Amino acid sequence: MAKFYVQSGTLRMVIQADDARKAALWAVHKAMQQILPLYDDDSLTASQKRQSALRCGHDVLGDEISLSELGFESAENAKFDMFDVVTEWNQLMVALARIEESMMTAV
């Protein structure tokens, strides 16, 4: 596995993955875990949830994600459109949810 230096918006992390695309997907997954609700909190408005996320110092993704095996700020890097990576991540999450649901009904 290769080590990738990943950055997008305020997100900066080092990820080991088979390739840059998989590292990008994992970075998006880690970023989304910061804000995905573990429970429904209907008492907060969307604006209040946003302010809470900003106060907690959550990473914010940009329009693209940049990955390099040489380090942050390296000129030699792979770039992906964030919308495409988030779309692919969402498709993976939907597929996992369906598998989980089918396993629960089979029991």
Protein backbone atom coordinates (compact mmCIF):
# COMPACT_ATOMS: atom_id res chain seq x y z
CA MET A 1 0.00 0.00 0.00
CA ALA A 2 1.15 3.51 -0.76
CA LYS A 3 1.04 6.51 1.54
CA PHE A 4 -0.97 9.46 0.20
CA TYR A 5 -0.92 13.03 1.44
CA VAL A 6 -4.51 14.17 0.99
CA GLN A 7 -5.83 17.71 1.09
CA SER A 8 -9.08 19.44 0.26
CA GLY A 9 -10.41 22.62 1.80
CA THR A 10 -9.27 22.52 5.45
CA LEU A 11 -8.78 18.72 5.40
CA ARG A 12 -5.20 17.48 5.49
CA MET A 13 -4.44 13.85 6.29
CA VAL A 14 -2.11 11.00 5.43
CA ILE A 15 -3.80 7.79 4.25
CA GLN A 16 -2.46 4.41 3.22
CA ALA A 17 -4.35 2.94 0.26
CA ASP A 18 -3.90 0.86 -2.88
CA ASP A 19 -4.35 3.88 -5.14
CA ALA A 20 -5.22 7.58 -5.13
CA ARG A 21 -8.92 7.04 -5.82
CA LYS A 22 -9.31 4.72 -2.83
CA ALA A 23 -7.42 7.22 -0.65
CA ALA A 24 -9.78 9.98 -1.83
CA LEU A 25 -12.82 7.86 -0.97
CA TRP A 26 -11.44 7.09 2.48
CA ALA A 27 -10.69 10.79 3.12
CA VAL A 28 -14.27 11.70 2.18
CA HIS A 29 -15.55 8.92 4.44
CA LYS A 30 -13.49 10.23 7.38
CA ALA A 31 -14.68 13.79 6.72
CA MET A 32 -18.32 12.72 6.47
CA GLN A 33 -18.06 10.79 9.75
CA GLN A 34 -17.53 14.12 11.50
CA ILE A 35 -21.00 15.35 10.59
CA LEU A 36 -23.14 12.29 9.95
CA PRO A 37 -25.80 12.16 12.62
CA LEU A 38 -25.45 9.35 15.10
CA TYR A 39 -28.95 10.20 16.24
CA ASP A 40 -31.69 12.50 15.03
CA ASP A 41 -31.49 15.88 16.69
CA ASP A 42 -34.53 17.72 15.43
CA SER A 43 -34.15 20.37 18.11
CA LEU A 44 -31.30 22.05 16.18
CA THR A 45 -31.78 23.94 12.94
CA ALA A 46 -29.44 23.39 9.97
CA SER A 47 -27.77 26.72 10.76
CA GLN A 48 -27.20 25.71 14.38
CA LYS A 49 -25.72 22.37 13.29
CA ARG A 50 -23.39 24.22 10.89
CA GLN A 51 -22.25 26.60 13.63
CA SER A 52 -21.64 23.67 15.96
CA ALA A 53 -19.52 21.94 13.32
CA LEU A 54 -17.46 25.11 12.82
CA ARG A 55 -16.94 25.53 16.59
CA CYS A 56 -15.77 21.94 16.91
CA GLY A 57 -13.15 22.50 14.22
CA HIS A 58 -14.48 19.99 11.71
CA ASP A 59 -12.71 19.75 8.41
CA VAL A 60 -14.45 21.34 5.43
CA LEU A 61 -13.98 19.80 1.99
CA GLY A 62 -13.22 21.94 -1.06
CA ASP A 63 -14.28 21.62 -4.70
CA GLU A 64 -11.50 19.14 -5.45
CA ILE A 65 -9.32 16.71 -3.57
CA SER A 66 -5.58 16.57 -4.16
CA LEU A 67 -3.43 13.53 -3.37
CA SER A 68 0.31 13.02 -3.59
CA GLU A 69 2.74 10.31 -2.57
CA LEU A 70 5.49 12.93 -2.17
CA GLY A 71 3.93 15.20 0.45
CA PHE A 72 1.53 18.08 0.93
CA GLU A 73 2.03 20.90 -1.58
CA SER A 74 3.80 18.59 -4.03
CA ALA A 75 3.45 19.63 -7.67
CA GLU A 76 3.20 15.96 -8.61
CA ASN A 77 -0.29 15.02 -7.47
CA ALA A 78 -3.59 13.50 -8.53
CA LYS A 79 -6.71 15.64 -8.40
CA PHE A 80 -10.33 14.55 -8.35
CA ASP A 81 -13.51 16.58 -8.51
CA MET A 82 -15.08 16.47 -5.04
CA PHE A 83 -18.60 16.05 -6.42
CA ASP A 84 -17.53 12.87 -8.24
CA VAL A 85 -15.81 11.41 -5.17
CA VAL A 86 -18.73 12.23 -2.86
CA THR A 87 -21.15 10.72 -5.40
CA GLU A 88 -19.13 7.50 -5.51
CA TRP A 89 -18.86 7.46 -1.70
CA ASN A 90 -22.64 7.90 -1.44
CA GLN A 91 -23.22 4.99 -3.83
CA LEU A 92 -20.98 2.80 -1.67
CA MET A 93 -22.88 3.80 1.48
CA VAL A 94 -26.23 3.03 -0.19
CA ALA A 95 -24.93 -0.38 -1.29
CA LEU A 96 -23.71 -1.15 2.24
CA ALA A 97 -27.06 -0.09 3.72
CA ARG A 98 -28.88 -2.40 1.32
CA ILE A 99 -26.61 -5.31 2.20
CA GLU A 100 -27.13 -4.63 5.90
CA GLU A 101 -30.88 -4.42 5.41
CA SER A 102 -31.00 -7.68 3.47
CA MET A 103 -28.96 -9.43 6.16
CA MET A 104 -31.33 -8.18 8.87
CA THR A 105 -34.40 -9.46 7.04
CA ALA A 106 -32.73 -12.83 6.42
CA VAL A 107 -32.29 -13.45 10.15
